C-alpha atoms as a PDB file:
ATOM      1  CA  MET A   1      15.156 -58.316  -5.306  1.00  0.00           C
ATOM      2  CA  ASP A   2      18.748 -57.222  -4.890  1.00  0.00           C
ATOM      3  CA  TYR A   3      20.210 -55.856  -8.096  1.00  0.00           C
ATOM      4  CA  PRO A   4      23.824 -56.711  -8.869  1.00  0.00           C
ATOM      5  CA  THR A   5      26.260 -53.843  -8.526  1.00  0.00           C
ATOM      6  CA  ASN A   6      29.383 -55.498  -9.853  1.00  0.00           C
ATOM      7  CA  LEU A   7      30.384 -57.358 -12.997  1.00  0.00           C
ATOM      8  CA  SER A   8      30.222 -60.751 -11.295  1.00  0.00           C
ATOM      9  CA  GLY A   9      26.681 -60.040 -10.125  1.00  0.00           C
ATOM     10  CA  LEU A  10      25.665 -58.908 -13.607  1.00  0.00           C
ATOM     11  CA  ASN A  11      27.047 -62.117 -15.084  1.00  0.00           C
ATOM     12  CA  GLN A  12      25.113 -64.177 -12.533  1.00  0.00           C
ATOM     13  CA  PHE A  13      21.930 -62.227 -13.294  1.00  0.00           C
ATOM     14  CA  GLY A  14      22.475 -62.776 -17.035  1.00  0.00           C
ATOM     15  CA  ASP A  15      22.975 -66.494 -16.438  1.00  0.00           C
ATOM     16  CA  PHE A  16      19.775 -66.560 -14.382  1.00  0.00           C
ATOM     17  CA  CYS A  17      17.802 -64.821 -17.185  1.00  0.00           C
ATOM     18  CA  ASN A  18      19.256 -67.192 -19.779  1.00  0.00           C
ATOM     19  CA  GLY A  19      18.233 -70.129 -17.613  1.00  0.00           C
ATOM     20  CA  LEU A  20      14.667 -68.821 -17.381  1.00  0.00           C
ATOM     21  CA  GLN A  21      14.528 -68.391 -21.152  1.00  0.00           C
ATOM     22  CA  GLU A  22      15.840 -71.918 -21.726  1.00  0.00           C
ATOM     23  CA  GLU A  23      13.277 -73.315 -19.284  1.00  0.00           C
ATOM     24  CA  LEU A  24      10.462 -71.374 -20.951  1.00  0.00           C
ATOM     25  CA  ASP A  25      11.626 -72.614 -24.357  1.00  0.00           C
ATOM     26  CA  THR A  26      11.310 -76.234 -23.209  1.00  0.00           C
ATOM     27  CA  LEU A  27       7.828 -75.981 -21.718  1.00  0.00           C
ATOM     28  CA  PRO A  28       5.146 -77.638 -23.860  1.00  0.00           C
ATOM     29  CA  ILE A  29       3.105 -74.442 -23.597  1.00  0.00           C
ATOM     30  CA  ALA A  30       0.711 -75.180 -26.450  1.00  0.00           C
ATOM     31  CA  ARG A  31      -0.101 -78.652 -25.123  1.00  0.00           C
ATOM     32  CA  HIS A  32      -0.833 -77.186 -21.689  1.00  0.00           C
ATOM     33  CA  LEU A  33      -3.037 -74.439 -23.113  1.00  0.00           C
ATOM     34  CA  ALA A  34      -4.752 -76.376 -25.910  1.00  0.00           C
ATOM     35  CA  ASP A  35      -8.036 -77.138 -24.140  1.00  0.00           C
ATOM     36  CA  ALA A  36      -8.612 -73.559 -22.999  1.00  0.00           C
ATOM     37  CA  VAL A  37      -7.484 -71.974 -26.273  1.00  0.00           C
ATOM     38  CA  ILE A  38      -9.508 -74.337 -28.453  1.00  0.00           C
ATOM     39  CA  GLN A  39     -12.581 -73.695 -26.309  1.00  0.00           C
ATOM     40  CA  GLU A  40     -12.152 -69.944 -26.892  1.00  0.00           C
ATOM     41  CA  VAL A  41     -11.681 -70.404 -30.644  1.00  0.00           C
ATOM     42  CA  HIS A  42     -14.790 -72.575 -30.900  1.00  0.00           C
ATOM     43  CA  ALA A  43     -16.805 -70.075 -28.859  1.00  0.00           C
ATOM     44  CA  ALA A  44     -15.664 -67.225 -31.129  1.00  0.00           C
ATOM     45  CA  VAL A  45     -16.571 -69.181 -34.274  1.00  0.00           C
ATOM     46  CA  ASN A  46     -19.921 -70.074 -32.732  1.00  0.00           C
ATOM     47  CA  ASP A  47     -20.477 -66.325 -32.281  1.00  0.00           C
ATOM     48  CA  ARG A  48     -19.804 -65.823 -36.014  1.00  0.00           C
ATOM     49  CA  TYR A  49     -22.612 -68.259 -36.813  1.00  0.00           C
ATOM     50  CA  ALA A  50     -24.956 -66.842 -34.158  1.00  0.00           C
ATOM     51  CA  THR A  51     -24.538 -63.242 -35.299  1.00  0.00           C
ATOM     52  CA  GLN A  52     -23.957 -64.064 -38.978  1.00  0.00           C
ATOM     53  CA  THR A  53     -21.144 -61.532 -38.998  1.00  0.00           C
ATOM     54  CA  ASP A  54     -17.408 -61.515 -39.590  1.00  0.00           C
ATOM     55  CA  ALA A  55     -15.031 -60.720 -36.739  1.00  0.00           C
ATOM     56  CA  ARG A  56     -15.350 -56.976 -37.415  1.00  0.00           C
ATOM     57  CA  GLY A  57     -19.133 -57.103 -37.130  1.00  0.00           C
ATOM     58  CA  ASN A  58     -19.931 -56.907 -40.860  1.00  0.00           C
ATOM     59  CA  GLN A  59     -23.125 -58.798 -41.687  1.00  0.00           C
ATOM     60  CA  TRP A  60     -22.782 -61.810 -43.983  1.00  0.00           C
ATOM     61  CA  PRO A  61     -24.520 -61.425 -47.345  1.00  0.00           C
ATOM     62  CA  PRO A  62     -27.936 -63.137 -47.461  1.00  0.00           C
ATOM     63  CA  HIS A  63     -28.668 -66.251 -49.490  1.00  0.00           C
ATOM     64  CA  ALA A  64     -29.105 -65.745 -53.191  1.00  0.00           C
ATOM     65  CA  PRO A  65     -32.694 -66.370 -54.352  1.00  0.00           C
ATOM     66  CA  SER A  66     -31.423 -69.333 -56.378  1.00  0.00           C
ATOM     67  CA  THR A  67     -29.947 -70.908 -53.209  1.00  0.00           C
ATOM     68  CA  VAL A  68     -33.297 -70.607 -51.434  1.00  0.00           C
ATOM     69  CA  ARG A  69     -35.074 -72.165 -54.456  1.00  0.00           C
ATOM     70  CA  ILE A  70     -32.675 -75.135 -54.521  1.00  0.00           C
ATOM     71  CA  TYR A  71     -32.192 -75.785 -50.783  1.00  0.00           C
ATOM     72  CA  GLY A  72     -35.101 -74.010 -49.140  1.00  0.00           C
ATOM     73  CA  ARG A  73     -34.800 -71.541 -46.300  1.00  0.00           C
ATOM     74  CA  HIS A  74     -32.038 -72.361 -43.799  1.00  0.00           C
ATOM     75  CA  PRO A  75     -29.563 -70.451 -41.634  1.00  0.00           C
ATOM     76  CA  LEU A  76     -26.549 -69.074 -43.479  1.00  0.00           C
ATOM     77  CA  LEU A  77     -23.745 -71.641 -43.738  1.00  0.00           C
ATOM     78  CA  ILE A  78     -25.823 -74.332 -42.017  1.00  0.00           C
ATOM     79  CA  LEU A  79     -27.419 -76.713 -44.483  1.00  0.00           C
ATOM     80  CA  SER A  80     -26.402 -80.108 -43.076  1.00  0.00           C
ATOM     81  CA  GLY A  81     -24.698 -78.753 -39.953  1.00  0.00           C
ATOM     82  CA  ASP A  82     -21.439 -80.543 -40.787  1.00  0.00           C
ATOM     83  CA  MET A  83     -19.325 -77.417 -41.298  1.00  0.00           C
ATOM     84  CA  PHE A  84     -20.812 -75.803 -38.195  1.00  0.00           C
ATOM     85  CA  ALA A  85     -19.952 -78.874 -36.098  1.00  0.00           C
ATOM     86  CA  ALA A  86     -16.454 -79.137 -37.613  1.00  0.00           C
ATOM     87  CA  SER A  87     -15.722 -75.503 -36.810  1.00  0.00           C
ATOM     88  CA  THR A  88     -17.216 -75.349 -33.296  1.00  0.00           C
ATOM     89  CA  SER A  89     -16.683 -78.813 -31.751  1.00  0.00           C
ATOM     90  CA  ARG A  90     -13.668 -80.952 -30.974  1.00  0.00           C
ATOM     91  CA  GLY A  91     -13.649 -84.335 -32.657  1.00  0.00           C
ATOM     92  CA  ALA A  92     -16.375 -83.538 -35.177  1.00  0.00           C
ATOM     93  CA  PRO A  93     -15.909 -85.009 -38.651  1.00  0.00           C
ATOM     94  CA  GLY A  94     -14.210 -82.504 -40.923  1.00  0.00           C
ATOM     95  CA  GLY A  95     -12.560 -80.606 -38.092  1.00  0.00           C
ATOM     96  CA  TYR A  96      -8.778 -80.314 -38.100  1.00  0.00           C
ATOM     97  CA  GLU A  97      -6.653 -80.079 -34.978  1.00  0.00           C
ATOM     98  CA  GLN A  98      -2.878 -80.318 -34.689  1.00  0.00           C
ATOM     99  CA  ILE A  99      -1.226 -79.629 -31.350  1.00  0.00           C
ATOM    100  CA  THR A 100       2.521 -79.631 -30.748  1.00  0.00           C
ATOM    101  CA  ASP A 101       4.550 -78.379 -27.811  1.00  0.00           C
ATOM    102  CA  ARG A 102       4.714 -74.920 -29.384  1.00  0.00           C
ATOM    103  CA  SER A 103       1.648 -74.551 -31.622  1.00  0.00           C
ATOM    104  CA  ILE A 104      -2.079 -75.134 -31.963  1.00  0.00           C
ATOM    105  CA  VAL A 105      -3.493 -75.346 -35.491  1.00  0.00           C
ATOM    106  CA  LEU A 106      -7.243 -75.599 -36.067  1.00  0.00           C
ATOM    107  CA  GLY A 107      -9.214 -75.749 -39.263  1.00  0.00           C
ATOM    108  CA  VAL A 108     -12.176 -77.079 -41.197  1.00  0.00           C
ATOM    109  CA  MET A 109     -11.559 -79.746 -43.822  1.00  0.00           C
ATOM    110  CA  GLN A 110     -14.855 -79.697 -45.739  1.00  0.00           C
ATOM    111  CA  ILE A 111     -14.115 -79.066 -49.405  1.00  0.00           C
ATOM    112  CA  TYR A 112     -16.597 -76.171 -49.498  1.00  0.00           C
ATOM    113  CA  ALA A 113     -15.278 -74.403 -46.369  1.00  0.00           C
ATOM    114  CA  PRO A 114     -12.729 -72.202 -48.207  1.00  0.00           C
ATOM    115  CA  THR A 115     -15.417 -71.086 -50.656  1.00  0.00           C
ATOM    116  CA  GLN A 116     -17.662 -70.063 -47.766  1.00  0.00           C
ATOM    117  CA  GLN A 117     -14.798 -68.361 -45.907  1.00  0.00           C
ATOM    118  CA  PHE A 118     -13.291 -66.454 -48.853  1.00  0.00           C
ATOM    119  CA  GLY A 119     -16.042 -66.470 -51.473  1.00  0.00           C
ATOM    120  CA  ASP A 120     -15.756 -67.360 -55.153  1.00  0.00           C
ATOM    121  CA  PRO A 121     -16.311 -64.437 -57.536  1.00  0.00           C
ATOM    122  CA  ASN A 122     -16.298 -66.785 -60.538  1.00  0.00           C
ATOM    123  CA  ARG A 123     -19.412 -68.519 -59.181  1.00  0.00           C
ATOM    124  CA  ASN A 124     -20.906 -65.373 -57.649  1.00  0.00           C
ATOM    125  CA  ILE A 125     -20.534 -66.744 -54.094  1.00  0.00           C
ATOM    126  CA  PRO A 126     -19.825 -64.001 -51.543  1.00  0.00           C
ATOM    127  CA  ALA A 127     -17.373 -64.451 -48.688  1.00  0.00           C
ATOM    128  CA  ARG A 128     -18.931 -65.239 -45.338  1.00  0.00           C
ATOM    129  CA  PRO A 129     -15.948 -65.351 -42.976  1.00  0.00           C
ATOM    130  CA  PHE A 130     -16.933 -67.795 -40.251  1.00  0.00           C
ATOM    131  CA  PHE A 131     -13.572 -69.096 -39.009  1.00  0.00           C
ATOM    132  CA  GLU A 132     -11.971 -66.011 -37.507  1.00  0.00           C
ATOM    133  CA  LEU A 133     -11.531 -64.403 -34.106  1.00  0.00           C
ATOM    134  CA  ASP A 134     -12.786 -61.019 -33.006  1.00  0.00           C
ATOM    135  CA  ASP A 135     -10.732 -58.725 -30.784  1.00  0.00           C
ATOM    136  CA  GLN A 136     -12.434 -59.973 -27.609  1.00  0.00           C
ATOM    137  CA  ALA A 137     -11.541 -63.609 -28.378  1.00  0.00           C
ATOM    138  CA  ILE A 138      -7.949 -62.654 -29.135  1.00  0.00           C
ATOM    139  CA  GLU A 139      -7.764 -60.792 -25.822  1.00  0.00           C
ATOM    140  CA  ARG A 140      -9.205 -63.786 -23.924  1.00  0.00           C
ATOM    141  CA  ILE A 141      -6.593 -66.066 -25.495  1.00  0.00           C
ATOM    142  CA  ARG A 142      -3.858 -63.551 -24.686  1.00  0.00           C
ATOM    143  CA  GLU A 143      -5.037 -63.605 -21.051  1.00  0.00           C
ATOM    144  CA  ILE A 144      -4.955 -67.424 -20.995  1.00  0.00           C
ATOM    145  CA  VAL A 145      -1.356 -67.407 -22.236  1.00  0.00           C
ATOM    146  CA  THR A 146      -0.294 -64.592 -19.901  1.00  0.00           C
ATOM    147  CA  ASP A 147      -1.869 -66.287 -16.884  1.00  0.00           C
ATOM    148  CA  TYR A 148      -0.110 -69.544 -17.762  1.00  0.00           C
ATOM    149  CA  ILE A 149       3.296 -67.920 -18.125  1.00  0.00           C
ATOM    150  CA  THR A 150       3.006 -65.840 -14.948  1.00  0.00           C
ATOM    151  CA  THR A 151       1.804 -68.796 -12.859  1.00  0.00           C
ATOM    152  CA  ALA A 152       4.449 -71.141 -14.323  1.00  0.00           C
ATOM    153  CA  TRP A 153       7.070 -69.270 -12.300  1.00  0.00           C
ATOM    154  CA  VAL A 154       5.202 -69.239  -8.979  1.00  0.00           C
END
């Protein structure tokens, strides 16, 4: 690339950079990346269930004896499977997905999901963070976005 050496060339280069920024600002990036990003999020949440750990690797607290007496033995956070499906599958009842040109928002709409995620000290329910991303998932999503942006200009 030839670099401008005079004021006119600098102005042209500035106009070129502004044009690139305007073009990037109009791309529906999130819509283009939604499938790949959502797949990574669901895989990361599935890992939380599989390992029964938070994103930092801390083990979830076990069931209280009273929970086992009432519901019997079952995997942590999977009694009916509804919350698991809502947090790891597209289109599952109770899953939330909102995609715009510039954002992807995912969530779980079951009324008990926040209690499981954050805990409830008043009811002696410990937090079992299931809907979060570990560093590896964040890096994979960063690579998806970077690859998209670098190939958008080729």
